[in-house]
Amino acid sequence: MTDQGMAPDEDPPALASTGKRAAVGCFTAILGVMSGGMVAVLLSKFVAFVTRAQSCPGIPTCDWNRYWVGGAVIGGLTLPLLVLRALAKPKKSN
């Protein structure tokens, strides 16, 4: 056994290829934008309820677009980073 916990004849665990990581990153960025925006609009609805803001007919809150953009940016950055960070870790063998 070496100091990395593998027998000398074993290959180190393979990491995800660059193409695979780019594809997964782009796909999760789209998912992060949409989910982050939706969660932020839900948060805007809660804020409007707590602050008793005026209601606009037919839409959740009058300033939903500001919340959606903020949530979309946060979701579009954090979800791919979390997924790619998990992909970068080598798999543990039992």
PDB file of N, CA and C in Angstrom:
ATOM      1  N   MET A   1       0.840  -1.186   0.000  1.00  0.00           N
ATOM      2  CA  MET A   1       0.000   0.000   0.000  1.00  0.00           C
ATOM      3  C   MET A   1       0.886   1.250   0.000  1.00  0.00           C
ATOM      4  N   THR A   2       0.474   2.221  -0.736  1.00  0.00           N
ATOM      5  CA  THR A   2       1.181   3.492  -0.748  1.00  0.00           C
ATOM      6  C   THR A   2       0.525   4.426   0.256  1.00  0.00           C
ATOM      7  N   ASP A   3       1.073   5.613   0.418  1.00  0.00           N
ATOM      8  CA  ASP A   3       0.515   6.564   1.377  1.00  0.00           C
ATOM      9  C   ASP A   3      -0.811   7.158   0.911  1.00  0.00           C
ATOM     10  N   GLN A   4      -1.256   6.862  -0.318  1.00  0.00           N
ATOM     11  CA  GLN A   4      -2.555   7.321  -0.792  1.00  0.00           C
ATOM     12  C   GLN A   4      -3.636   6.280  -0.560  1.00  0.00           C
ATOM     13  N   GLY A   5      -3.293   5.143   0.010  1.00  0.00           N
ATOM     14  CA  GLY A   5      -4.282   4.128   0.325  1.00  0.00           C
ATOM     15  C   GLY A   5      -4.583   3.193  -0.826  1.00  0.00           C
ATOM     16  N   MET A   6      -3.735   3.148  -1.862  1.00  0.00           N
ATOM     17  CA  MET A   6      -3.953   2.265  -3.005  1.00  0.00           C
ATOM     18  C   MET A   6      -2.788   1.289  -3.095  1.00  0.00           C
ATOM     19  N   ALA A   7      -3.065   0.135  -3.622  1.00  0.00           N
ATOM     20  CA  ALA A   7      -1.996  -0.809  -3.892  1.00  0.00           C
ATOM     21  C   ALA A   7      -1.129  -0.256  -5.022  1.00  0.00           C
ATOM     22  N   PRO A   8       0.148  -0.632  -5.084  1.00  0.00           N
ATOM     23  CA  PRO A   8       1.032  -0.060  -6.109  1.00  0.00           C
ATOM     24  C   PRO A   8       0.597  -0.359  -7.543  1.00  0.00           C
ATOM     25  N   ASP A   9      -0.145  -1.450  -7.778  1.00  0.00           N
ATOM     26  CA  ASP A   9      -0.539  -1.770  -9.141  1.00  0.00           C
ATOM     27  C   ASP A   9      -1.874  -1.157  -9.547  1.00  0.00           C
ATOM     28  N   GLU A  10      -2.537  -0.428  -8.667  1.00  0.00           N
ATOM     29  CA  GLU A  10      -3.815   0.204  -8.988  1.00  0.00           C
ATOM     30  C   GLU A  10      -3.596   1.573  -9.627  1.00  0.00           C
ATOM     31  N   ASP A  11      -4.478   1.899 -10.573  1.00  0.00           N
ATOM     32  CA  ASP A  11      -4.441   3.227 -11.183  1.00  0.00           C
ATOM     33  C   ASP A  11      -5.195   4.202 -10.289  1.00  0.00           C
ATOM     34  N   PRO A  12      -4.780   5.471 -10.283  1.00  0.00           N
ATOM     35  CA  PRO A  12      -5.550   6.454  -9.510  1.00  0.00           C
ATOM     36  C   PRO A  12      -6.937   6.633 -10.119  1.00  0.00           C
ATOM     37  N   PRO A  13      -7.919   6.991  -9.323  1.00  0.00           N
ATOM     38  CA  PRO A  13      -9.272   7.161  -9.869  1.00  0.00           C
ATOM     39  C   PRO A  13      -9.291   8.252 -10.931  1.00  0.00           C
ATOM     40  N   ALA A  14     -10.009   7.993 -12.005  1.00  0.00           N
ATOM     41  CA  ALA A  14     -10.077   8.945 -13.116  1.00  0.00           C
ATOM     42  C   ALA A  14     -11.028  10.089 -12.776  1.00  0.00           C
ATOM     43  N   LEU A  15     -10.643  11.287 -13.141  1.00  0.00           N
ATOM     44  CA  LEU A  15     -11.499  12.451 -12.970  1.00  0.00           C
ATOM     45  C   LEU A  15     -12.327  12.643 -14.238  1.00  0.00           C
ATOM     46  N   ALA A  16     -13.388  13.417 -14.130  1.00  0.00           N
ATOM     47  CA  ALA A  16     -14.253  13.676 -15.281  1.00  0.00           C
ATOM     48  C   ALA A  16     -13.470  14.450 -16.339  1.00  0.00           C
ATOM     49  N   SER A  17     -13.721  14.127 -17.605  1.00  0.00           N
ATOM     50  CA  SER A  17     -13.023  14.810 -18.693  1.00  0.00           C
ATOM     51  C   SER A  17     -13.494  16.262 -18.791  1.00  0.00           C
ATOM     52  N   THR A  18     -12.726  17.069 -19.478  1.00  0.00           N
ATOM     53  CA  THR A  18     -13.054  18.489 -19.616  1.00  0.00           C
ATOM     54  C   THR A  18     -14.356  18.694 -20.373  1.00  0.00           C
ATOM     55  N   GLY A  19     -14.568  17.926 -21.424  1.00  0.00           N
ATOM     56  CA  GLY A  19     -15.813  18.048 -22.194  1.00  0.00           C
ATOM     57  C   GLY A  19     -17.035  17.698 -21.373  1.00  0.00           C
ATOM     58  N   LYS A  20     -16.915  16.637 -20.595  1.00  0.00           N
ATOM     59  CA  LYS A  20     -18.024  16.223 -19.737  1.00  0.00           C
ATOM     60  C   LYS A  20     -18.306  17.287 -18.684  1.00  0.00           C
ATOM     61  N   ARG A  21     -17.249  17.830 -18.107  1.00  0.00           N
ATOM     62  CA  ARG A  21     -17.432  18.868 -17.084  1.00  0.00           C
ATOM     63  C   ARG A  21     -18.058  20.119 -17.678  1.00  0.00           C
ATOM     64  N   ALA A  22     -17.675  20.492 -18.905  1.00  0.00           N
ATOM     65  CA  ALA A  22     -18.258  21.671 -19.555  1.00  0.00           C
ATOM     66  C   ALA A  22     -19.736  21.452 -19.852  1.00  0.00           C
ATOM     67  N   ALA A  23     -20.080  20.262 -20.328  1.00  0.00           N
ATOM     68  CA  ALA A  23     -21.481  19.966 -20.631  1.00  0.00           C
ATOM     69  C   ALA A  23     -22.328  19.963 -19.370  1.00  0.00           C
ATOM     70  N   VAL A  24     -21.828  19.341 -18.332  1.00  0.00           N
ATOM     71  CA  VAL A  24     -22.565  19.306 -17.066  1.00  0.00           C
ATOM     72  C   VAL A  24     -22.675  20.710 -16.486  1.00  0.00           C
ATOM     73  N   GLY A  25     -21.624  21.501 -16.599  1.00  0.00           N
ATOM     74  CA  GLY A  25     -21.659  22.870 -16.090  1.00  0.00           C
ATOM     75  C   GLY A  25     -22.678  23.731 -16.817  1.00  0.00           C
ATOM     76  N   CYS A  26     -22.746  23.615 -18.131  1.00  0.00           N
ATOM     77  CA  CYS A  26     -23.728  24.392 -18.904  1.00  0.00           C
ATOM     78  C   CYS A  26     -25.151  23.966 -18.582  1.00  0.00           C
ATOM     79  N   PHE A  27     -25.375  22.661 -18.482  1.00  0.00           N
ATOM     80  CA  PHE A  27     -26.713  22.160 -18.180  1.00  0.00           C
ATOM     81  C   PHE A  27     -27.160  22.602 -16.786  1.00  0.00           C
ATOM     82  N   THR A  28     -26.266  22.495 -15.808  1.00  0.00           N
ATOM     83  CA  THR A  28     -26.651  22.897 -14.453  1.00  0.00           C
ATOM     84  C   THR A  28     -26.756  24.412 -14.328  1.00  0.00           C
ATOM     85  N   ALA A  29     -26.069  25.159 -15.176  1.00  0.00           N
ATOM     86  CA  ALA A  29     -26.225  26.619 -15.147  1.00  0.00           C
ATOM     87  C   ALA A  29     -27.639  27.003 -15.562  1.00  0.00           C
ATOM     88  N   ILE A  30     -28.161  26.339 -16.591  1.00  0.00           N
ATOM     89  CA  ILE A  30     -29.543  26.608 -17.023  1.00  0.00           C
ATOM     90  C   ILE A  30     -30.522  26.248 -15.916  1.00  0.00           C
ATOM     91  N   LEU A  31     -30.323  25.080 -15.316  1.00  0.00           N
ATOM     92  CA  LEU A  31     -31.196  24.669 -14.214  1.00  0.00           C
ATOM     93  C   LEU A  31     -31.077  25.615 -13.024  1.00  0.00           C
ATOM     94  N   GLY A  32     -29.872  26.073 -12.745  1.00  0.00           N
ATOM     95  CA  GLY A  32     -29.660  26.990 -11.629  1.00  0.00           C
ATOM     96  C   GLY A  32     -30.326  28.337 -11.847  1.00  0.00           C
ATOM     97  N   VAL A  33     -30.277  28.839 -13.081  1.00  0.00           N
ATOM     98  CA  VAL A  33     -30.923  30.113 -13.400  1.00  0.00           C
ATOM     99  C   VAL A  33     -32.427  30.013 -13.172  1.00  0.00           C
ATOM    100  N   MET A  34     -33.026  28.954 -13.704  1.00  0.00           N
ATOM    101  CA  MET A  34     -34.477  28.813 -13.592  1.00  0.00           C
ATOM    102  C   MET A  34     -34.910  28.568 -12.141  1.00  0.00           C
ATOM    103  N   SER A  35     -34.239  27.664 -11.460  1.00  0.00           N
ATOM    104  CA  SER A  35     -34.656  27.355 -10.090  1.00  0.00           C
ATOM    105  C   SER A  35     -34.354  28.509  -9.147  1.00  0.00           C
ATOM    106  N   GLY A  36     -33.217  29.168  -9.324  1.00  0.00           N
ATOM    107  CA  GLY A  36     -32.902  30.315  -8.478  1.00  0.00           C
ATOM    108  C   GLY A  36     -33.888  31.453  -8.669  1.00  0.00           C
ATOM    109  N   GLY A  37     -34.294  31.683  -9.918  1.00  0.00           N
ATOM    110  CA  GLY A  37     -35.287  32.718 -10.191  1.00  0.00           C
ATOM    111  C   GLY A  37     -36.630  32.405  -9.572  1.00  0.00           C
ATOM    112  N   MET A  38     -37.059  31.149  -9.660  1.00  0.00           N
ATOM    113  CA  MET A  38     -38.357  30.783  -9.090  1.00  0.00           C
ATOM    114  C   MET A  38     -38.360  30.884  -7.569  1.00  0.00           C
ATOM    115  N   VAL A  39     -37.281  30.463  -6.944  1.00  0.00           N
ATOM    116  CA  VAL A  39     -37.193  30.564  -5.486  1.00  0.00           C
ATOM    117  C   VAL A  39     -37.182  32.031  -5.064  1.00  0.00           C
ATOM    118  N   ALA A  40     -36.503  32.876  -5.815  1.00  0.00           N
ATOM    119  CA  ALA A  40     -36.458  34.300  -5.478  1.00  0.00           C
ATOM    120  C   ALA A  40     -37.822  34.957  -5.636  1.00  0.00           C
ATOM    121  N   VAL A  41     -38.598  34.550  -6.631  1.00  0.00           N
ATOM    122  CA  VAL A  41     -39.950  35.100  -6.787  1.00  0.00           C
ATOM    123  C   VAL A  41     -40.826  34.651  -5.621  1.00  0.00           C
ATOM    124  N   LEU A  42     -40.656  33.420  -5.176  1.00  0.00           N
ATOM    125  CA  LEU A  42     -41.375  32.962  -3.979  1.00  0.00           C
ATOM    126  C   LEU A  42     -40.971  33.797  -2.767  1.00  0.00           C
ATOM    127  N   LEU A  43     -39.688  34.107  -2.656  1.00  0.00           N
ATOM    128  CA  LEU A  43     -39.220  34.971  -1.575  1.00  0.00           C
ATOM    129  C   LEU A  43     -39.824  36.361  -1.697  1.00  0.00           C
ATOM    130  N   SER A  44     -39.963  36.884  -2.901  1.00  0.00           N
ATOM    131  CA  SER A  44     -40.566  38.210  -3.080  1.00  0.00           C
ATOM    132  C   SER A  44     -42.030  38.208  -2.660  1.00  0.00           C
ATOM    133  N   LYS A  45     -42.719  37.113  -2.903  1.00  0.00           N
ATOM    134  CA  LYS A  45     -44.110  36.989  -2.472  1.00  0.00           C
ATOM    135  C   LYS A  45     -44.189  37.011  -0.948  1.00  0.00           C
ATOM    136  N   PHE A  46     -43.265  36.331  -0.289  1.00  0.00           N
ATOM    137  CA  PHE A  46     -43.216  36.332   1.171  1.00  0.00           C
ATOM    138  C   PHE A  46     -42.891  37.728   1.707  1.00  0.00           C
ATOM    139  N   VAL A  47     -41.927  38.408   1.092  1.00  0.00           N
ATOM    140  CA  VAL A  47     -41.560  39.762   1.518  1.00  0.00           C
ATOM    141  C   VAL A  47     -42.735  40.715   1.328  1.00  0.00           C
ATOM    142  N   ALA A  48     -43.446  40.581   0.218  1.00  0.00           N
ATOM    143  CA  ALA A  48     -44.604  41.437  -0.037  1.00  0.00           C
ATOM    144  C   ALA A  48     -45.706  41.187   0.994  1.00  0.00           C
ATOM    145  N   PHE A  49     -45.872  39.940   1.415  1.00  0.00           N
ATOM    146  CA  PHE A  49     -46.872  39.623   2.429  1.00  0.00           C
ATOM    147  C   PHE A  49     -46.488  40.223   3.776  1.00  0.00           C
ATOM    148  N   VAL A  50     -45.222  40.072   4.161  1.00  0.00           N
ATOM    149  CA  VAL A  50     -44.762  40.566   5.462  1.00  0.00           C
ATOM    150  C   VAL A  50     -44.802  42.092   5.520  1.00  0.00           C
ATOM    151  N   THR A  51     -44.389  42.743   4.434  1.00  0.00           N
ATOM    152  CA  THR A  51     -44.350  44.208   4.429  1.00  0.00           C
ATOM    153  C   THR A  51     -45.671  44.833   4.016  1.00  0.00           C
ATOM    154  N   ARG A  52     -46.638  43.991   3.682  1.00  0.00           N
ATOM    155  CA  ARG A  52     -47.965  44.457   3.233  1.00  0.00           C
ATOM    156  C   ARG A  52     -47.845  45.429   2.049  1.00  0.00           C
ATOM    157  N   ALA A  53     -47.028  45.036   1.090  1.00  0.00           N
ATOM    158  CA  ALA A  53     -46.834  45.858  -0.113  1.00  0.00           C
ATOM    159  C   ALA A  53     -48.089  45.816  -0.974  1.00  0.00           C
ATOM    160  N   GLN A  54     -48.243  46.818  -1.814  1.00  0.00           N
ATOM    161  CA  GLN A  54     -49.414  46.854  -2.696  1.00  0.00           C
ATOM    162  C   GLN A  54     -49.382  45.662  -3.636  1.00  0.00           C
ATOM    163  N   SER A  55     -50.541  45.169  -3.998  1.00  0.00           N
ATOM    164  CA  SER A  55     -50.601  44.012  -4.893  1.00  0.00           C
ATOM    165  C   SER A  55     -50.883  44.473  -6.318  1.00  0.00           C
ATOM    166  N   CYS A  56     -50.301  43.770  -7.244  1.00  0.00           N
ATOM    167  CA  CYS A  56     -50.530  44.018  -8.665  1.00  0.00           C
ATOM    168  C   CYS A  56     -51.343  42.843  -9.186  1.00  0.00           C
ATOM    169  N   PRO A  57     -52.426  43.088  -9.851  1.00  0.00           N
ATOM    170  CA  PRO A  57     -53.277  41.976 -10.310  1.00  0.00           C
ATOM    171  C   PRO A  57     -52.585  41.119 -11.361  1.00  0.00           C
ATOM    172  N   GLY A  58     -52.671  39.799 -11.171  1.00  0.00           N
ATOM    173  CA  GLY A  58     -52.166  38.863 -12.166  1.00  0.00           C
ATOM    174  C   GLY A  58     -50.717  38.455 -12.027  1.00  0.00           C
ATOM    175  N   ILE A  59     -49.946  39.095 -11.165  1.00  0.00           N
ATOM    176  CA  ILE A  59     -48.554  38.712 -10.979  1.00  0.00           C
ATOM    177  C   ILE A  59     -48.283  38.576  -9.484  1.00  0.00           C
ATOM    178  N   PRO A  60     -47.260  37.816  -9.108  1.00  0.00           N
ATOM    179  CA  PRO A  60     -47.009  37.586  -7.681  1.00  0.00           C
ATOM    180  C   PRO A  60     -46.759  38.868  -6.881  1.00  0.00           C
ATOM    181  N   THR A  61     -45.827  39.679  -7.325  1.00  0.00           N
ATOM    182  CA  THR A  61     -45.540  40.964  -6.679  1.00  0.00           C
ATOM    183  C   THR A  61     -45.192  41.970  -7.762  1.00  0.00           C
ATOM    184  N   CYS A  62     -45.257  43.227  -7.412  1.00  0.00           N
ATOM    185  CA  CYS A  62     -45.016  44.260  -8.424  1.00  0.00           C
ATOM    186  C   CYS A  62     -43.556  44.306  -8.883  1.00  0.00           C
ATOM    187  N   ASP A  63     -42.627  43.952  -8.014  1.00  0.00           N
ATOM    188  CA  ASP A  63     -41.207  44.001  -8.384  1.00  0.00           C
ATOM    189  C   ASP A  63     -40.597  42.605  -8.482  1.00  0.00           C
ATOM    190  N   TRP A  64     -41.374  41.657  -8.984  1.00  0.00           N
ATOM    191  CA  TRP A  64     -40.912  40.276  -9.079  1.00  0.00           C
ATOM    192  C   TRP A  64     -39.689  40.146  -9.971  1.00  0.00           C
ATOM    193  N   ASN A  65     -39.568  41.001 -11.000  1.00  0.00           N
ATOM    194  CA  ASN A  65     -38.456  40.874 -11.949  1.00  0.00           C
ATOM    195  C   ASN A  65     -37.103  41.147 -11.301  1.00  0.00           C
ATOM    196  N   ARG A  66     -37.050  42.054 -10.357  1.00  0.00           N
ATOM    197  CA  ARG A  66     -35.787  42.324  -9.649  1.00  0.00           C
ATOM    198  C   ARG A  66     -35.368  41.114  -8.825  1.00  0.00           C
ATOM    199  N   TYR A  67     -36.328  40.507  -8.152  1.00  0.00           N
ATOM    200  CA  TYR A  67     -36.033  39.312  -7.372  1.00  0.00           C
ATOM    201  C   TYR A  67     -35.611  38.164  -8.284  1.00  0.00           C
ATOM    202  N   TRP A  68     -36.309  38.001  -9.418  1.00  0.00           N
ATOM    203  CA  TRP A  68     -35.992  36.899 -10.324  1.00  0.00           C
ATOM    204  C   TRP A  68     -34.566  37.024 -10.856  1.00  0.00           C
ATOM    205  N   VAL A  69     -34.163  38.228 -11.247  1.00  0.00           N
ATOM    206  CA  VAL A  69     -32.807  38.418 -11.781  1.00  0.00           C
ATOM    207  C   VAL A  69     -31.757  38.108 -10.711  1.00  0.00           C
ATOM    208  N   GLY A  70     -31.983  38.582  -9.508  1.00  0.00           N
ATOM    209  CA  GLY A  70     -31.032  38.297  -8.430  1.00  0.00           C
ATOM    210  C   GLY A  70     -30.929  36.814  -8.134  1.00  0.00           C
ATOM    211  N   GLY A  71     -32.069  36.151  -8.048  1.00  0.00           N
ATOM    212  CA  GLY A  71     -32.064  34.713  -7.800  1.00  0.00           C
ATOM    213  C   GLY A  71     -31.474  33.931  -8.955  1.00  0.00           C
ATOM    214  N   ALA A  72     -31.726  34.379 -10.174  1.00  0.00           N
ATOM    215  CA  ALA A  72     -31.187  33.701 -11.348  1.00  0.00           C
ATOM    216  C   ALA A  72     -29.665  33.788 -11.384  1.00  0.00           C
ATOM    217  N   VAL A  73     -29.130  34.936 -11.035  1.00  0.00           N
ATOM    218  CA  VAL A  73     -27.671  35.098 -11.011  1.00  0.00           C
ATOM    219  C   VAL A  73     -27.059  34.204  -9.935  1.00  0.00           C
ATOM    220  N   ILE A  74     -27.644  34.223  -8.753  1.00  0.00           N
ATOM    221  CA  ILE A  74     -27.116  33.399  -7.662  1.00  0.00           C
ATOM    222  C   ILE A  74     -27.226  31.916  -8.005  1.00  0.00           C
ATOM    223  N   GLY A  75     -28.386  31.491  -8.503  1.00  0.00           N
ATOM    224  CA  GLY A  75     -28.564  30.085  -8.859  1.00  0.00           C
ATOM    225  C   GLY A  75     -27.694  29.658 -10.025  1.00  0.00           C
ATOM    226  N   GLY A  76     -27.534  30.542 -11.011  1.00  0.00           N
ATOM    227  CA  GLY A  76     -26.720  30.223 -12.175  1.00  0.00           C
ATOM    228  C   GLY A  76     -25.243  30.114 -11.866  1.00  0.00           C
ATOM    229  N   LEU A  77     -24.812  30.703 -10.783  1.00  0.00           N
ATOM    230  CA  LEU A  77     -23.407  30.592 -10.385  1.00  0.00           C
ATOM    231  C   LEU A  77     -23.175  29.462  -9.383  1.00  0.00           C
ATOM    232  N   THR A  78     -24.066  29.321  -8.417  1.00  0.00           N
ATOM    233  CA  THR A  78     -23.801  28.370  -7.337  1.00  0.00           C
ATOM    234  C   THR A  78     -24.063  26.917  -7.721  1.00  0.00           C
ATOM    235  N   LEU A  79     -25.136  26.634  -8.454  1.00  0.00           N
ATOM    236  CA  LEU A  79     -25.422  25.235  -8.776  1.00  0.00           C
ATOM    237  C   LEU A  79     -24.318  24.600  -9.617  1.00  0.00           C
ATOM    238  N   PRO A  80     -23.843  25.234 -10.685  1.00  0.00           N
ATOM    239  CA  PRO A  80     -22.738  24.609 -11.427  1.00  0.00           C
ATOM    240  C   PRO A  80     -21.467  24.465 -10.589  1.00  0.00           C
ATOM    241  N   LEU A  81     -21.184  25.451  -9.755  1.00  0.00           N
ATOM    242  CA  LEU A  81     -19.987  25.347  -8.917  1.00  0.00           C
ATOM    243  C   LEU A  81     -20.074  24.166  -7.960  1.00  0.00           C
ATOM    244  N   LEU A  82     -21.239  23.966  -7.355  1.00  0.00           N
ATOM    245  CA  LEU A  82     -21.400  22.843  -6.434  1.00  0.00           C
ATOM    246  C   LEU A  82     -21.301  21.502  -7.160  1.00  0.00           C
ATOM    247  N   VAL A  83     -21.924  21.404  -8.321  1.00  0.00           N
ATOM    248  CA  VAL A  83     -21.897  20.145  -9.072  1.00  0.00           C
ATOM    249  C   VAL A  83     -20.494  19.862  -9.591  1.00  0.00           C
ATOM    250  N   LEU A  84     -19.823  20.853 -10.141  1.00  0.00           N
ATOM    251  CA  LEU A  84     -18.476  20.632 -10.663  1.00  0.00           C
ATOM    252  C   LEU A  84     -17.483  20.333  -9.545  1.00  0.00           C
ATOM    253  N   ARG A  85     -17.704  20.913  -8.400  1.00  0.00           N
ATOM    254  CA  ARG A  85     -16.843  20.610  -7.252  1.00  0.00           C
ATOM    255  C   ARG A  85     -17.028  19.157  -6.824  1.00  0.00           C
ATOM    256  N   ALA A  86     -18.261  18.675  -6.862  1.00  0.00           N
ATOM    257  CA  ALA A  86     -18.518  17.275  -6.520  1.00  0.00           C
ATOM    258  C   ALA A  86     -17.932  16.345  -7.573  1.00  0.00           C
ATOM    259  N   LEU A  87     -17.969  16.741  -8.851  1.00  0.00           N
ATOM    260  CA  LEU A  87     -17.378  15.926  -9.909  1.00  0.00           C
ATOM    261  C   LEU A  87     -15.851  15.891  -9.833  1.00  0.00           C
ATOM    262  N   ALA A  88     -15.262  16.920  -9.300  1.00  0.00           N
ATOM    263  CA  ALA A  88     -13.800  16.999  -9.254  1.00  0.00           C
ATOM    264  C   ALA A  88     -13.212  16.095  -8.182  1.00  0.00           C
ATOM    265  N   LYS A  89     -14.030  15.715  -7.210  1.00  0.00           N
ATOM    266  CA  LYS A  89     -13.512  14.829  -6.169  1.00  0.00           C
ATOM    267  C   LYS A  89     -13.374  13.409  -6.719  1.00  0.00           C
ATOM    268  N   PRO A  90     -12.251  12.779  -6.463  1.00  0.00           N
ATOM    269  CA  PRO A  90     -12.119  11.393  -6.909  1.00  0.00           C
ATOM    270  C   PRO A  90     -13.063  10.484  -6.111  1.00  0.00           C
ATOM    271  N   LYS A  91     -13.554   9.451  -6.779  1.00  0.00           N
ATOM    272  CA  LYS A  91     -14.474   8.532  -6.124  1.00  0.00           C
ATOM    273  C   LYS A  91     -13.703   7.685  -5.104  1.00  0.00           C
ATOM    274  N   LYS A  92     -14.341   7.469  -3.979  1.00  0.00           N
ATOM    275  CA  LYS A  92     -13.725   6.632  -2.947  1.00  0.00           C
ATOM    276  C   LYS A  92     -14.060   5.176  -3.230  1.00  0.00           C
ATOM    277  N   SER A  93     -13.057   4.339  -3.167  1.00  0.00           N
ATOM    278  CA  SER A  93     -13.307   2.898  -3.354  1.00  0.00           C
ATOM    279  C   SER A  93     -13.477   2.256  -1.987  1.00  0.00           C
ATOM    280  N   ASN A  94     -14.355   1.270  -1.938  1.00  0.00           N
ATOM    281  CA  ASN A  94     -14.624   0.591  -0.652  1.00  0.00           C
ATOM    282  C   ASN A  94     -13.696  -0.546  -0.433  1.00  0.00           C
TER     283      ASN A  94
END
